[in-house]
Amino acid sequence: MILYVINNFSTISLALLITAGLLGIIVKMKCDRKNGKSSCGSSCSGCPGAKTCHK
């Protein structure tokens, strides 16, 4: 098992970095939504999804 980890260390570390980055993005988006920030950056008056945006 340890030989497998040693031989594939670069692939494993890259996968962990990508996973950590995606989790960070998801957490940031959840915090922004909880604080009432919009992800699109425009006004809600003309948005077709305005009813579901700030639930």
N, C-alpha and C. Protein backbone atom coordinates (compact mmCIF):
# COMPACT_ATOMS: atom_id res chain seq x y z
N MET A 1 0.83 -1.20 0.00
CA MET A 1 0.00 0.00 0.00
C MET A 1 0.87 1.26 0.00
N ILE A 2 1.90 1.26 0.83
CA ILE A 2 2.76 2.44 0.91
C ILE A 2 3.51 2.65 -0.41
N LEU A 3 3.82 1.56 -1.10
CA LEU A 3 4.49 1.66 -2.39
C LEU A 3 3.57 2.32 -3.42
N TYR A 4 2.29 2.00 -3.36
CA TYR A 4 1.31 2.62 -4.25
C TYR A 4 1.24 4.12 -4.01
N VAL A 5 1.24 4.53 -2.75
CA VAL A 5 1.17 5.95 -2.40
C VAL A 5 2.43 6.66 -2.88
N ILE A 6 3.57 6.05 -2.69
CA ILE A 6 4.83 6.66 -3.13
C ILE A 6 4.87 6.81 -4.64
N ASN A 7 4.43 5.80 -5.36
CA ASN A 7 4.46 5.84 -6.83
C ASN A 7 3.45 6.83 -7.41
N ASN A 8 2.37 7.08 -6.70
CA ASN A 8 1.31 7.96 -7.20
C ASN A 8 1.16 9.22 -6.36
N PHE A 9 2.21 9.66 -5.71
CA PHE A 9 2.13 10.81 -4.80
C PHE A 9 1.70 12.08 -5.52
N SER A 10 2.23 12.32 -6.71
CA SER A 10 1.88 13.56 -7.42
C SER A 10 0.40 13.57 -7.81
N THR A 11 -0.12 12.44 -8.24
CA THR A 11 -1.53 12.36 -8.63
C THR A 11 -2.43 12.52 -7.41
N ILE A 12 -2.06 11.88 -6.31
CA ILE A 12 -2.85 11.97 -5.09
C ILE A 12 -2.84 13.38 -4.54
N SER A 13 -1.68 14.02 -4.53
CA SER A 13 -1.60 15.38 -3.99
C SER A 13 -2.36 16.37 -4.87
N LEU A 14 -2.30 16.20 -6.18
CA LEU A 14 -3.05 17.07 -7.09
C LEU A 14 -4.56 16.90 -6.88
N ALA A 15 -5.00 15.67 -6.72
CA ALA A 15 -6.42 15.42 -6.48
C ALA A 15 -6.87 16.04 -5.16
N LEU A 16 -6.03 15.97 -4.14
CA LEU A 16 -6.37 16.59 -2.85
C LEU A 16 -6.43 18.11 -2.95
N LEU A 17 -5.51 18.70 -3.72
CA LEU A 17 -5.54 20.16 -3.90
C LEU A 17 -6.79 20.61 -4.64
N ILE A 18 -7.16 19.89 -5.68
CA ILE A 18 -8.35 20.25 -6.45
C ILE A 18 -9.60 20.10 -5.57
N THR A 19 -9.67 19.02 -4.80
CA THR A 19 -10.81 18.80 -3.91
C THR A 19 -10.90 19.90 -2.86
N ALA A 20 -9.77 20.28 -2.28
CA ALA A 20 -9.76 21.35 -1.28
C ALA A 20 -10.22 22.67 -1.90
N GLY A 21 -9.79 22.95 -3.12
CA GLY A 21 -10.21 24.17 -3.80
C GLY A 21 -11.71 24.19 -4.06
N LEU A 22 -12.25 23.07 -4.51
CA LEU A 22 -13.69 23.00 -4.77
C LEU A 22 -14.49 23.14 -3.48
N LEU A 23 -14.03 22.50 -2.41
CA LEU A 23 -14.71 22.64 -1.13
C LEU A 23 -14.67 24.08 -0.63
N GLY A 24 -13.54 24.76 -0.84
CA GLY A 24 -13.44 26.16 -0.45
C GLY A 24 -14.40 27.04 -1.21
N ILE A 25 -14.55 26.77 -2.49
CA ILE A 25 -15.49 27.54 -3.32
C ILE A 25 -16.93 27.31 -2.85
N ILE A 26 -17.26 26.06 -2.56
CA ILE A 26 -18.62 25.75 -2.11
C ILE A 26 -18.92 26.41 -0.77
N VAL A 27 -17.98 26.36 0.16
CA VAL A 27 -18.18 26.99 1.47
C VAL A 27 -18.34 28.49 1.32
N LYS A 28 -17.52 29.12 0.46
CA LYS A 28 -17.62 30.57 0.22
C LYS A 28 -18.97 30.94 -0.37
N MET A 29 -19.45 30.13 -1.31
CA MET A 29 -20.75 30.41 -1.91
C MET A 29 -21.88 30.27 -0.89
N LYS A 30 -21.79 29.27 -0.01
CA LYS A 30 -22.82 29.10 1.02
C LYS A 30 -22.80 30.27 2.00
N CYS A 31 -21.62 30.72 2.40
CA CYS A 31 -21.52 31.86 3.31
C CYS A 31 -22.06 33.13 2.67
N ASP A 32 -21.73 33.35 1.41
CA ASP A 32 -22.23 34.53 0.70
C ASP A 32 -23.75 34.49 0.58
N ARG A 33 -24.30 33.31 0.29
CA ARG A 33 -25.74 33.21 0.15
C ARG A 33 -26.43 33.44 1.50
N LYS A 34 -25.82 32.93 2.56
CA LYS A 34 -26.40 33.10 3.90
C LYS A 34 -26.38 34.57 4.31
N ASN A 35 -25.37 35.34 3.84
CA ASN A 35 -25.26 36.75 4.17
C ASN A 35 -26.03 37.64 3.21
N GLY A 36 -26.75 37.05 2.25
CA GLY A 36 -27.60 37.81 1.34
C GLY A 36 -26.89 38.36 0.12
N LYS A 37 -25.67 37.93 -0.14
CA LYS A 37 -24.97 38.40 -1.33
C LYS A 37 -25.41 37.60 -2.54
N SER A 38 -25.53 38.27 -3.66
CA SER A 38 -25.95 37.63 -4.90
C SER A 38 -24.75 37.08 -5.64
N SER A 39 -24.93 35.95 -6.28
CA SER A 39 -23.83 35.35 -7.03
C SER A 39 -23.69 35.95 -8.43
N CYS A 40 -24.76 36.55 -8.93
CA CYS A 40 -24.69 37.08 -10.30
C CYS A 40 -24.19 38.52 -10.33
N GLY A 41 -24.39 39.29 -9.28
CA GLY A 41 -23.87 40.64 -9.22
C GLY A 41 -24.76 41.70 -9.82
N SER A 42 -25.95 41.34 -10.29
CA SER A 42 -26.84 42.35 -10.87
C SER A 42 -28.08 42.50 -9.99
N SER A 43 -28.96 43.37 -10.43
CA SER A 43 -30.16 43.62 -9.63
C SER A 43 -31.16 42.48 -9.80
N CYS A 44 -31.99 42.29 -8.81
CA CYS A 44 -32.95 41.19 -8.83
C CYS A 44 -34.26 41.57 -9.53
N SER A 45 -34.44 42.83 -9.86
CA SER A 45 -35.73 43.26 -10.41
C SER A 45 -36.03 42.62 -11.75
N GLY A 46 -35.04 42.39 -12.57
CA GLY A 46 -35.30 41.79 -13.88
C GLY A 46 -34.89 40.33 -13.98
N CYS A 47 -34.55 39.74 -12.86
CA CYS A 47 -34.06 38.36 -12.86
C CYS A 47 -35.23 37.38 -12.80
N PRO A 48 -35.25 36.38 -13.67
CA PRO A 48 -36.35 35.40 -13.63
C PRO A 48 -36.27 34.49 -12.41
N GLY A 49 -35.11 34.35 -11.79
CA GLY A 49 -34.97 33.51 -10.62
C GLY A 49 -34.95 34.28 -9.31
N ALA A 50 -35.49 35.48 -9.30
CA ALA A 50 -35.43 36.34 -8.12
C ALA A 50 -36.21 35.76 -6.93
N LYS A 51 -37.25 35.00 -7.20
CA LYS A 51 -38.06 34.44 -6.11
C LYS A 51 -37.30 33.35 -5.35
N THR A 52 -36.43 32.63 -6.03
CA THR A 52 -35.71 31.52 -5.41
C THR A 52 -34.33 31.94 -4.93
N CYS A 53 -33.89 33.12 -5.26
CA CYS A 53 -32.52 33.57 -4.98
C CYS A 53 -32.28 33.77 -3.49
N HIS A 54 -33.18 34.37 -2.77
CA HIS A 54 -32.94 34.77 -1.38
C HIS A 54 -33.82 34.01 -0.39
N LYS A 55 -33.94 32.71 -0.57
CA LYS A 55 -34.74 31.91 0.36
C LYS A 55 -33.93 31.60 1.58
